[in-house]
Every structure is written in C-alpha cells, then in structure tokens.
Amino acid sequence: MNRRTFAEVEQQPIAHPRPIELYVFLDPLCQDCWALQPILRRLQVEYERYFTLRIGLLTSLPKMNYKALPLVDDECEEAHAFEKSHPAFPSIAIKAAEFQGKRAGFRFLTKLFEYSFLKSRNVKSFAVLVEIAEKLNLDKQEFISDFFSKNVLQSLQVDLHLAKEMEVLKSPTFVFFNENIEDEGLMVDGSYSYEIYEQIIEELTGSPIIRDRAPSLEELFSRFEMLATAEIAAIYGVPEKESERELKKLLLKQEVERIFINDKVLWRKH
C-alpha cells in the first residue's frame, strides 16, 4: 500500500507536516459517500490539526474506457456537448473544478451531492454539471475547456491508480497513514460512527487528541455552504433543539436562510 506517488503529484510539501495523512476515496454517485459527508466535515472542524486530507475519486464504472467516453472533439460545436450524459462525467467534472483550486474541487463535490441526492437532478448530464460550476461562480469557459482536456483525465487516472495501489475496492473508504512511512496504512471501508474515526486518529497519533475550538456560525457557513441542523448540533455539542433555536435567531436577523428540500431542513448563509 503505497502513498508517496499520489502525495508527490497532488500536493506540494507543507511547512509543518501533520502527523497523519488521510485519504478518502469517494464515488460522486454513491449515496453512502454523501451520507458520510457530515462526519468528514466534523473531522475537519475538530481535528484538522492532526491530518492532511486528500480526496481520491472512484467512478461507478468497473473499468474506465476513456476512448469510449462521449466527449467532444475539436470540430464539435459546444452546444452539442450540453446534450451529452455519461456515468463518468461527475468524476471528470470534479477534477475539472479542482483545476481552479483544491477548495473549488471540494465545493463542487459538495454541490454535486446536493444536486443528486437532495434535488434529484441528473448529475451525469454535462449541462447540469456546467450549471453547478456556474452556481459556484467558477470560470465557466475554463471549466468546459478543462473538462474536455487530456489533463483532467490524467488527473483522474492518478486517483484510480492510487486506489489500485492501496487495494481500495469500494467507496467510501478511508485510508490513514501515520508519520512512519514504513508502516502500512489503516484502511476503513464503509461508514461507521464518528467515535470510530476519533479513536483511529488518537491511536495513530500515539497520544490523547484535543478537539479544536468550534468556529463561530458565521465561520462555519463560510467554510461549508449548506448544513443540516443535526450536523451543526454535533459540531457544537448541543441538542438539536438548542441548535435550531440559535439558527432561528440568525434567520430573524436575515443572516441565514432555511431551505426545505424533500423532507430535510438545511441552512446556509444568507
């Protein structure tokens, strides 16, 4: 289980390395990956000082055949591309967004989950993916250009190669590495309770871990665009009713807005 190839390709050395490298492999069409998102966000808020997060993408296809992808060529009009749809498009789109910054790629993944599992939109459609890019204020033309470039496919291939090297067979999968590069990574596939991930971080760190102080609600909404009441309550360690009361106060001040999607109540910065 090798991690160095991906680390060298995807990340620049950081001045103060954190003791753990956390690789999270996700399939953007996987409902379990979407359900895991609150746990991953909470880990970032509470324990990010202990780990460096790297997101790897898996596709829903058993084997990606790039030559078979219905991508446009140089002579194809852009308008025809908007009619195309393919199961690999969501993964390619996330990588295209990532070319505008790692944070842009993560925001795109989050918004794609929202469109797919909350709004029931067809995220395999190129037109819908471009709509997401516009919603996030990405450079639309750059996004389209990158989407159809060989570079973005090569970037996705790096993720798939890494997953193969680490023997990752399903998503979601967490792979933890400690500071000792000779040690094997600790793989956790599937979804578990938040306390399990806390315990793993503590064991790999070798000493008791300390939660970071929770940010203000304003900071939280600046970092994560849309959050559920239960998610916010978990981060602040308060009952959901108390969390909802505080959110309603912000709602009256028009600092946040409440969104009803299907049977879920979500909040975002106004």
C-alpha atoms as a PDB file:
ATOM      1  CA  MET A   1       0.000   0.000   0.000  1.00  0.00           C
ATOM      2  CA  ASN A   2       1.973   2.968  -1.327  1.00  0.00           C
ATOM      3  CA  ARG A   3       1.085   6.607  -0.762  1.00  0.00           C
ATOM      4  CA  ARG A   4       4.102   8.556  -1.994  1.00  0.00           C
ATOM      5  CA  THR A   5       3.296   8.713  -5.714  1.00  0.00           C
ATOM      6  CA  PHE A   6      -0.016  10.475  -5.120  1.00  0.00           C
ATOM      7  CA  ALA A   7       1.430  12.771  -2.456  1.00  0.00           C
ATOM      8  CA  GLU A   8       4.173  13.954  -4.776  1.00  0.00           C
ATOM      9  CA  VAL A   9       1.865  14.501  -7.729  1.00  0.00           C
ATOM     10  CA  GLU A  10      -1.086  16.081  -5.961  1.00  0.00           C
ATOM     11  CA  GLN A  11       0.384  18.097  -3.108  1.00  0.00           C
ATOM     12  CA  GLN A  12       3.257  20.479  -2.504  1.00  0.00           C
ATOM     13  CA  PRO A  13       5.315  19.907   0.672  1.00  0.00           C
ATOM     14  CA  ILE A  14       3.860  21.734   3.665  1.00  0.00           C
ATOM     15  CA  ALA A  15       5.918  23.676   6.163  1.00  0.00           C
ATOM     16  CA  HIS A  16       4.539  21.931   9.263  1.00  0.00           C
ATOM     17  CA  PRO A  17       3.539  18.367   8.394  1.00  0.00           C
ATOM     18  CA  ARG A  18       0.617  16.945  10.324  1.00  0.00           C
ATOM     19  CA  PRO A  19       1.152  13.511  11.869  1.00  0.00           C
ATOM     20  CA  ILE A  20      -1.493  11.743   9.770  1.00  0.00           C
ATOM     21  CA  GLU A  21      -2.313  11.583   6.086  1.00  0.00           C
ATOM     22  CA  LEU A  22      -5.968  10.787   5.491  1.00  0.00           C
ATOM     23  CA  TYR A  23      -7.032   9.598   2.052  1.00  0.00           C
ATOM     24  CA  VAL A  24     -10.779   9.469   1.458  1.00  0.00           C
ATOM     25  CA  PHE A  25     -11.950   7.650  -1.659  1.00  0.00           C
ATOM     26  CA  LEU A  26     -15.395   8.675  -2.863  1.00  0.00           C
ATOM     27  CA  ASP A  27     -17.688   7.917  -5.756  1.00  0.00           C
ATOM     28  CA  PRO A  28     -19.760  11.035  -6.538  1.00  0.00           C
ATOM     29  CA  LEU A  29     -22.720   8.809  -7.466  1.00  0.00           C
ATOM     30  CA  CYS A  30     -22.564   6.833  -4.196  1.00  0.00           C
ATOM     31  CA  GLN A  31     -25.287   7.604  -1.654  1.00  0.00           C
ATOM     32  CA  ASP A  32     -23.162   6.262   1.224  1.00  0.00           C
ATOM     33  CA  CYS A  33     -20.452   8.783   0.287  1.00  0.00           C
ATOM     34  CA  TRP A  34     -22.980  11.595   0.504  1.00  0.00           C
ATOM     35  CA  ALA A  35     -24.209  10.313   3.884  1.00  0.00           C
ATOM     36  CA  LEU A  36     -20.619  10.291   5.157  1.00  0.00           C
ATOM     37  CA  GLN A  37     -20.137  13.981   4.390  1.00  0.00           C
ATOM     38  CA  PRO A  38     -21.216  15.296   7.845  1.00  0.00           C
ATOM     39  CA  ILE A  39     -18.657  13.029   9.546  1.00  0.00           C
ATOM     40  CA  LEU A  40     -15.881  14.209   7.254  1.00  0.00           C
ATOM     41  CA  ARG A  41     -16.809  17.860   7.817  1.00  0.00           C
ATOM     42  CA  ARG A  42     -16.856  17.401  11.581  1.00  0.00           C
ATOM     43  CA  LEU A  43     -13.432  15.740  11.499  1.00  0.00           C
ATOM     44  CA  GLN A  44     -12.117  18.736   9.590  1.00  0.00           C
ATOM     45  CA  VAL A  45     -13.571  21.183  12.106  1.00  0.00           C
ATOM     46  CA  GLU A  46     -12.440  19.351  15.234  1.00  0.00           C
ATOM     47  CA  TYR A  47      -9.205  17.546  14.353  1.00  0.00           C
ATOM     48  CA  GLU A  48      -7.760  19.016  11.172  1.00  0.00           C
ATOM     49  CA  ARG A  49      -4.556  19.923  13.013  1.00  0.00           C
ATOM     50  CA  TYR A  50      -3.780  16.189  13.123  1.00  0.00           C
ATOM     51  CA  PHE A  51      -4.271  15.207   9.493  1.00  0.00           C
ATOM     52  CA  THR A  52      -3.815  16.272   5.915  1.00  0.00           C
ATOM     53  CA  LEU A  53      -6.900  15.404   3.879  1.00  0.00           C
ATOM     54  CA  ARG A  54      -6.636  14.086   0.332  1.00  0.00           C
ATOM     55  CA  ILE A  55      -9.728  13.205  -1.685  1.00  0.00           C
ATOM     56  CA  GLY A  56      -9.473  10.432  -4.265  1.00  0.00           C
ATOM     57  CA  LEU A  57     -12.234   9.742  -6.788  1.00  0.00           C
ATOM     58  CA  LEU A  58     -13.567   6.385  -7.858  1.00  0.00           C
ATOM     59  CA  THR A  59     -16.003   6.050 -10.711  1.00  0.00           C
ATOM     60  CA  SER A  60     -19.136   3.941 -10.859  1.00  0.00           C
ATOM     61  CA  LEU A  61     -17.703   2.103 -13.858  1.00  0.00           C
ATOM     62  CA  PRO A  62     -15.901  -1.217 -13.250  1.00  0.00           C
ATOM     63  CA  LYS A  63     -13.270  -0.133 -15.763  1.00  0.00           C
ATOM     64  CA  MET A  64     -12.953   3.313 -17.264  1.00  0.00           C
ATOM     65  CA  ASN A  65     -12.581   3.231 -21.032  1.00  0.00           C
ATOM     66  CA  TYR A  66     -11.572   6.791 -21.900  1.00  0.00           C
ATOM     67  CA  LYS A  67     -11.796   6.220 -25.630  1.00  0.00           C
ATOM     68  CA  ALA A  68     -15.465   5.276 -25.222  1.00  0.00           C
ATOM     69  CA  LEU A  69     -16.385   8.459 -23.370  1.00  0.00           C
ATOM     70  CA  PRO A  70     -18.746  10.662 -25.414  1.00  0.00           C
ATOM     71  CA  LEU A  71     -16.526  13.746 -25.244  1.00  0.00           C
ATOM     72  CA  VAL A  72     -16.482  16.489 -27.832  1.00  0.00           C
ATOM     73  CA  ASP A  73     -13.668  16.822 -30.346  1.00  0.00           C
ATOM     74  CA  ASP A  74     -12.162  19.950 -31.854  1.00  0.00           C
ATOM     75  CA  GLU A  75     -14.776  20.108 -34.586  1.00  0.00           C
ATOM     76  CA  CYS A  76     -17.788  19.529 -32.367  1.00  0.00           C
ATOM     77  CA  GLU A  77     -19.876  22.549 -31.514  1.00  0.00           C
ATOM     78  CA  GLU A  78     -20.127  23.321 -27.801  1.00  0.00           C
ATOM     79  CA  ALA A  79     -23.927  23.242 -27.967  1.00  0.00           C
ATOM     80  CA  HIS A  80     -23.853  19.507 -28.764  1.00  0.00           C
ATOM     81  CA  ALA A  81     -21.826  18.813 -25.631  1.00  0.00           C
ATOM     82  CA  PHE A  82     -24.713  20.010 -23.459  1.00  0.00           C
ATOM     83  CA  GLU A  83     -26.832  17.138 -24.764  1.00  0.00           C
ATOM     84  CA  LYS A  84     -24.349  14.512 -23.610  1.00  0.00           C
ATOM     85  CA  SER A  85     -24.555  12.360 -20.482  1.00  0.00           C
ATOM     86  CA  HIS A  86     -22.273   9.666 -19.047  1.00  0.00           C
ATOM     87  CA  PRO A  87     -21.700   7.956 -15.640  1.00  0.00           C
ATOM     88  CA  ALA A  88     -18.058   9.096 -15.644  1.00  0.00           C
ATOM     89  CA  PHE A  89     -18.919  12.785 -16.165  1.00  0.00           C
ATOM     90  CA  PRO A  90     -19.379  13.653 -12.452  1.00  0.00           C
ATOM     91  CA  SER A  91     -15.859  12.470 -11.579  1.00  0.00           C
ATOM     92  CA  ILE A  92     -14.395  14.282 -14.575  1.00  0.00           C
ATOM     93  CA  ALA A  93     -16.282  17.464 -13.622  1.00  0.00           C
ATOM     94  CA  ILE A  94     -14.919  17.418 -10.058  1.00  0.00           C
ATOM     95  CA  LYS A  95     -11.396  17.146 -11.420  1.00  0.00           C
ATOM     96  CA  ALA A  96     -12.081  19.984 -13.881  1.00  0.00           C
ATOM     97  CA  ALA A  97     -13.283  22.150 -10.982  1.00  0.00           C
ATOM     98  CA  GLU A  98     -10.207  21.163  -8.982  1.00  0.00           C
ATOM     99  CA  PHE A  99      -8.059  22.746 -11.696  1.00  0.00           C
ATOM    100  CA  GLN A 100      -9.404  26.056 -10.343  1.00  0.00           C
ATOM    101  CA  GLY A 101      -8.159  25.164  -6.854  1.00  0.00           C
ATOM    102  CA  LYS A 102      -8.445  22.285  -4.388  1.00  0.00           C
ATOM    103  CA  ARG A 103     -11.182  24.114  -2.483  1.00  0.00           C
ATOM    104  CA  ALA A 104     -13.132  24.603  -5.714  1.00  0.00           C
ATOM    105  CA  GLY A 105     -12.999  20.859  -6.320  1.00  0.00           C
ATOM    106  CA  PHE A 106     -14.263  20.077  -2.810  1.00  0.00           C
ATOM    107  CA  ARG A 107     -17.066  22.659  -3.119  1.00  0.00           C
ATOM    108  CA  PHE A 108     -18.047  21.169  -6.471  1.00  0.00           C
ATOM    109  CA  LEU A 109     -18.260  17.685  -4.924  1.00  0.00           C
ATOM    110  CA  THR A 110     -20.471  19.013  -2.130  1.00  0.00           C
ATOM    111  CA  LYS A 111     -22.772  20.838  -4.543  1.00  0.00           C
ATOM    112  CA  LEU A 112     -22.919  17.773  -6.797  1.00  0.00           C
ATOM    113  CA  PHE A 113     -24.100  15.665  -3.821  1.00  0.00           C
ATOM    114  CA  GLU A 114     -26.775  18.296  -3.151  1.00  0.00           C
ATOM    115  CA  TYR A 115     -27.994  18.256  -6.757  1.00  0.00           C
ATOM    116  CA  SER A 116     -28.007  14.467  -6.944  1.00  0.00           C
ATOM    117  CA  PHE A 117     -29.380  13.321  -3.587  1.00  0.00           C
ATOM    118  CA  LEU A 118     -31.438  16.303  -2.430  1.00  0.00           C
ATOM    119  CA  LYS A 119     -32.674  17.845  -5.653  1.00  0.00           C
ATOM    120  CA  SER A 120     -32.782  14.610  -7.696  1.00  0.00           C
ATOM    121  CA  ARG A 121     -31.055  16.252 -10.659  1.00  0.00           C
ATOM    122  CA  ASN A 122     -29.235  14.186 -13.282  1.00  0.00           C
ATOM    123  CA  VAL A 123     -25.589  14.905 -12.453  1.00  0.00           C
ATOM    124  CA  LYS A 124     -24.466  12.588 -15.253  1.00  0.00           C
ATOM    125  CA  SER A 125     -25.595  15.331 -17.646  1.00  0.00           C
ATOM    126  CA  PHE A 126     -22.937  17.721 -18.874  1.00  0.00           C
ATOM    127  CA  ALA A 127     -25.452  20.575 -18.904  1.00  0.00           C
ATOM    128  CA  VAL A 128     -26.232  20.052 -15.198  1.00  0.00           C
ATOM    129  CA  LEU A 129     -22.524  19.920 -14.337  1.00  0.00           C
ATOM    130  CA  VAL A 130     -21.951  23.235 -16.080  1.00  0.00           C
ATOM    131  CA  GLU A 131     -24.912  24.647 -14.138  1.00  0.00           C
ATOM    132  CA  ILE A 132     -23.190  23.579 -10.896  1.00  0.00           C
ATOM    133  CA  ALA A 133     -19.967  25.285 -11.989  1.00  0.00           C
ATOM    134  CA  GLU A 134     -21.917  28.485 -12.631  1.00  0.00           C
ATOM    135  CA  LYS A 135     -23.644  28.242  -9.231  1.00  0.00           C
ATOM    136  CA  LEU A 136     -20.225  28.110  -7.584  1.00  0.00           C
ATOM    137  CA  ASN A 137     -19.007  31.106  -9.626  1.00  0.00           C
ATOM    138  CA  LEU A 138     -16.268  29.083 -11.289  1.00  0.00           C
ATOM    139  CA  ASP A 139     -14.836  30.282 -14.572  1.00  0.00           C
ATOM    140  CA  LYS A 140     -17.330  28.599 -16.914  1.00  0.00           C
ATOM    141  CA  GLN A 141     -15.183  28.578 -20.058  1.00  0.00           C
ATOM    142  CA  GLU A 142     -12.148  27.340 -18.164  1.00  0.00           C
ATOM    143  CA  PHE A 143     -14.261  24.602 -16.597  1.00  0.00           C
ATOM    144  CA  ILE A 144     -15.565  23.456 -20.010  1.00  0.00           C
ATOM    145  CA  SER A 145     -12.097  23.569 -21.529  1.00  0.00           C
ATOM    146  CA  ASP A 146     -10.594  21.551 -18.682  1.00  0.00           C
ATOM    147  CA  PHE A 147     -13.488  19.082 -18.723  1.00  0.00           C
ATOM    148  CA  PHE A 148     -12.578  18.039 -22.257  1.00  0.00           C
ATOM    149  CA  SER A 149      -8.813  18.141 -21.799  1.00  0.00           C
ATOM    150  CA  LYS A 150      -6.471  15.179 -21.542  1.00  0.00           C
ATOM    151  CA  ASN A 151      -5.000  16.699 -18.385  1.00  0.00           C
ATOM    152  CA  VAL A 152      -8.187  16.231 -16.382  1.00  0.00           C
ATOM    153  CA  LEU A 153      -8.442  12.589 -17.471  1.00  0.00           C
ATOM    154  CA  GLN A 154      -4.818  12.041 -16.460  1.00  0.00           C
ATOM    155  CA  SER A 155      -5.575  13.560 -13.048  1.00  0.00           C
ATOM    156  CA  LEU A 156      -8.482  11.143 -12.618  1.00  0.00           C
ATOM    157  CA  GLN A 157      -6.257   8.262 -13.686  1.00  0.00           C
ATOM    158  CA  VAL A 158      -3.855   9.181 -10.852  1.00  0.00           C
ATOM    159  CA  ASP A 159      -6.695   8.693  -8.360  1.00  0.00           C
ATOM    160  CA  LEU A 160      -7.706   5.363  -9.881  1.00  0.00           C
ATOM    161  CA  HIS A 161      -4.086   4.175  -9.922  1.00  0.00           C
ATOM    162  CA  LEU A 162      -3.674   5.200  -6.284  1.00  0.00           C
ATOM    163  CA  ALA A 163      -6.835   3.311  -5.309  1.00  0.00           C
ATOM    164  CA  LYS A 164      -5.455   0.217  -7.025  1.00  0.00           C
ATOM    165  CA  GLU A 165      -2.095   0.559  -5.242  1.00  0.00           C
ATOM    166  CA  MET A 166      -3.838   0.896  -1.879  1.00  0.00           C
ATOM    167  CA  GLU A 167      -6.142  -2.024  -2.734  1.00  0.00           C
ATOM    168  CA  VAL A 168      -9.242   0.133  -2.337  1.00  0.00           C
ATOM    169  CA  LEU A 169     -12.179  -1.786  -3.776  1.00  0.00           C
ATOM    170  CA  LYS A 170     -15.213   0.246  -2.726  1.00  0.00           C
ATOM    171  CA  SER A 171     -16.346   3.685  -1.715  1.00  0.00           C
ATOM    172  CA  PRO A 172     -16.402   5.292   0.687  1.00  0.00           C
ATOM    173  CA  THR A 173     -13.029   4.169   2.015  1.00  0.00           C
ATOM    174  CA  PHE A 174     -10.759   5.969   4.485  1.00  0.00           C
ATOM    175  CA  VAL A 175      -7.039   5.143   4.487  1.00  0.00           C
ATOM    176  CA  PHE A 176      -4.953   6.505   7.368  1.00  0.00           C
ATOM    177  CA  PHE A 177      -1.148   6.765   7.377  1.00  0.00           C
ATOM    178  CA  ASN A 178       0.987   7.817  10.333  1.00  0.00           C
ATOM    179  CA  GLU A 179       4.385   9.540  10.267  1.00  0.00           C
ATOM    180  CA  ASN A 180       6.310   6.291   9.858  1.00  0.00           C
ATOM    181  CA  ILE A 181       6.417   5.713   6.111  1.00  0.00           C
ATOM    182  CA  GLU A 182       7.365   2.080   6.682  1.00  0.00           C
ATOM    183  CA  ASP A 183       4.024   1.334   8.353  1.00  0.00           C
ATOM    184  CA  GLU A 184       1.098   0.026   6.348  1.00  0.00           C
ATOM    185  CA  GLY A 185      -1.930   2.266   6.011  1.00  0.00           C
ATOM    186  CA  LEU A 186      -5.022   1.550   8.072  1.00  0.00           C
ATOM    187  CA  MET A 187      -7.991   1.048   5.755  1.00  0.00           C
ATOM    188  CA  VAL A 188     -11.588   1.580   6.875  1.00  0.00           C
ATOM    189  CA  ASP A 189     -14.208   0.924   4.190  1.00  0.00           C
ATOM    190  CA  GLY A 190     -17.864   1.729   4.604  1.00  0.00           C
ATOM    191  CA  SER A 191     -19.466   4.092   7.131  1.00  0.00           C
ATOM    192  CA  TYR A 192     -19.012   3.990  10.896  1.00  0.00           C
ATOM    193  CA  SER A 193     -19.834   6.156  13.881  1.00  0.00           C
ATOM    194  CA  TYR A 194     -17.880   9.359  14.402  1.00  0.00           C
ATOM    195  CA  GLU A 195     -16.254   7.928  17.543  1.00  0.00           C
ATOM    196  CA  ILE A 196     -14.538   5.190  15.496  1.00  0.00           C
ATOM    197  CA  TYR A 197     -12.682   7.768  13.385  1.00  0.00           C
ATOM    198  CA  GLU A 198     -11.743   9.720  16.526  1.00  0.00           C
ATOM    199  CA  GLN A 199     -10.313   6.565  18.055  1.00  0.00           C
ATOM    200  CA  ILE A 200      -8.238   5.815  14.942  1.00  0.00           C
ATOM    201  CA  ILE A 201      -6.755   9.309  14.883  1.00  0.00           C
ATOM    202  CA  GLU A 202      -5.854   9.043  18.566  1.00  0.00           C
ATOM    203  CA  GLU A 203      -4.248   5.622  18.128  1.00  0.00           C
ATOM    204  CA  LEU A 204      -2.179   6.753  15.143  1.00  0.00           C
ATOM    205  CA  THR A 205      -1.132   9.946  16.919  1.00  0.00           C
ATOM    206  CA  GLY A 206       0.019   7.972  19.939  1.00  0.00           C
ATOM    207  CA  SER A 207      -1.287  10.453  22.485  1.00  0.00           C
ATOM    208  CA  PRO A 208      -4.638  11.941  23.578  1.00  0.00           C
ATOM    209  CA  ILE A 209      -6.097  14.225  20.919  1.00  0.00           C
ATOM    210  CA  ILE A 210      -7.658  17.592  21.686  1.00  0.00           C
ATOM    211  CA  ARG A 211     -10.629  18.974  19.786  1.00  0.00           C
ATOM    212  CA  ASP A 212     -10.179  22.362  18.208  1.00  0.00           C
ATOM    213  CA  ARG A 213     -12.495  25.056  19.461  1.00  0.00           C
ATOM    214  CA  ALA A 214     -15.658  25.210  17.378  1.00  0.00           C
ATOM    215  CA  PRO A 215     -15.713  28.179  14.987  1.00  0.00           C
ATOM    216  CA  SER A 216     -18.461  30.779  15.025  1.00  0.00           C
ATOM    217  CA  LEU A 217     -21.554  30.002  12.986  1.00  0.00           C
ATOM    218  CA  GLU A 218     -20.502  32.681  10.517  1.00  0.00           C
ATOM    219  CA  GLU A 219     -17.125  30.995  10.021  1.00  0.00           C
ATOM    220  CA  LEU A 220     -18.773  27.598   9.747  1.00  0.00           C
ATOM    221  CA  PHE A 221     -21.138  28.755   6.988  1.00  0.00           C
ATOM    222  CA  SER A 222     -18.258  30.455   5.179  1.00  0.00           C
ATOM    223  CA  ARG A 223     -16.455  27.144   5.068  1.00  0.00           C
ATOM    224  CA  PHE A 224     -19.393  24.835   4.369  1.00  0.00           C
ATOM    225  CA  GLU A 225     -22.118  26.381   2.254  1.00  0.00           C
ATOM    226  CA  MET A 226     -25.055  24.293   3.454  1.00  0.00           C
ATOM    227  CA  LEU A 227     -25.509  22.419   6.741  1.00  0.00           C
ATOM    228  CA  ALA A 228     -28.236  20.387   8.438  1.00  0.00           C
ATOM    229  CA  THR A 229     -29.482  21.162  11.956  1.00  0.00           C
ATOM    230  CA  ALA A 230     -28.193  17.825  13.303  1.00  0.00           C
ATOM    231  CA  GLU A 231     -24.797  18.437  11.736  1.00  0.00           C
ATOM    232  CA  ILE A 232     -24.473  21.850  13.388  1.00  0.00           C
ATOM    233  CA  ALA A 233     -25.640  20.459  16.740  1.00  0.00           C
ATOM    234  CA  ALA A 234     -22.982  17.725  16.599  1.00  0.00           C
ATOM    235  CA  ILE A 235     -20.199  20.216  15.889  1.00  0.00           C
ATOM    236  CA  TYR A 236     -21.181  22.410  18.841  1.00  0.00           C
ATOM    237  CA  GLY A 237     -22.058  19.515  21.136  1.00  0.00           C
ATOM    238  CA  VAL A 238     -25.580  20.757  21.879  1.00  0.00           C
ATOM    239  CA  PRO A 239     -29.058  19.228  21.461  1.00  0.00           C
ATOM    240  CA  GLU A 240     -30.694  19.739  18.073  1.00  0.00           C
ATOM    241  CA  LYS A 241     -33.467  21.867  19.607  1.00  0.00           C
ATOM    242  CA  GLU A 242     -30.913  24.280  21.042  1.00  0.00           C
ATOM    243  CA  SER A 243     -29.098  24.418  17.718  1.00  0.00           C
ATOM    244  CA  GLU A 244     -32.372  25.148  15.922  1.00  0.00           C
ATOM    245  CA  ARG A 245     -33.190  27.972  18.354  1.00  0.00           C
ATOM    246  CA  GLU A 246     -29.873  29.687  17.623  1.00  0.00           C
ATOM    247  CA  LEU A 247     -30.334  29.243  13.897  1.00  0.00           C
ATOM    248  CA  LYS A 248     -33.828  30.735  14.059  1.00  0.00           C
ATOM    249  CA  LYS A 249     -32.361  33.808  15.775  1.00  0.00           C
ATOM    250  CA  LEU A 250     -29.992  34.219  12.826  1.00  0.00           C
ATOM    251  CA  LEU A 251     -32.923  33.608  10.480  1.00  0.00           C
ATOM    252  CA  LEU A 252     -34.826  36.533  12.029  1.00  0.00           C
ATOM    253  CA  LYS A 253     -31.733  38.698  11.545  1.00  0.00           C
ATOM    254  CA  GLN A 254     -31.625  37.503   7.916  1.00  0.00           C
ATOM    255  CA  GLU A 255     -28.082  36.227   8.425  1.00  0.00           C
ATOM    256  CA  VAL A 256     -29.016  32.699   7.338  1.00  0.00           C
ATOM    257  CA  GLU A 257     -31.785  31.191   5.265  1.00  0.00           C
ATOM    258  CA  ARG A 258     -33.697  27.968   5.826  1.00  0.00           C
ATOM    259  CA  ILE A 259     -34.160  25.624   2.900  1.00  0.00           C
ATOM    260  CA  PHE A 260     -36.616  22.741   2.693  1.00  0.00           C
ATOM    261  CA  ILE A 261     -35.576  20.024   0.270  1.00  0.00           C
ATOM    262  CA  ASN A 262     -37.779  16.944   0.289  1.00  0.00           C
ATOM    263  CA  ASP A 263     -38.052  16.032   3.992  1.00  0.00           C
ATOM    264  CA  LYS A 264     -34.802  17.736   5.024  1.00  0.00           C
ATOM    265  CA  VAL A 265     -34.217  21.142   6.607  1.00  0.00           C
ATOM    266  CA  LEU A 266     -30.942  22.785   5.629  1.00  0.00           C
ATOM    267  CA  TRP A 267     -29.357  26.129   6.462  1.00  0.00           C
ATOM    268  CA  ARG A 268     -26.979  28.368   4.589  1.00  0.00           C
ATOM    269  CA  LYS A 269     -25.550  31.853   4.850  1.00  0.00           C
ATOM    270  CA  HIS A 270     -27.940  34.493   3.504  1.00  0.00           C
END
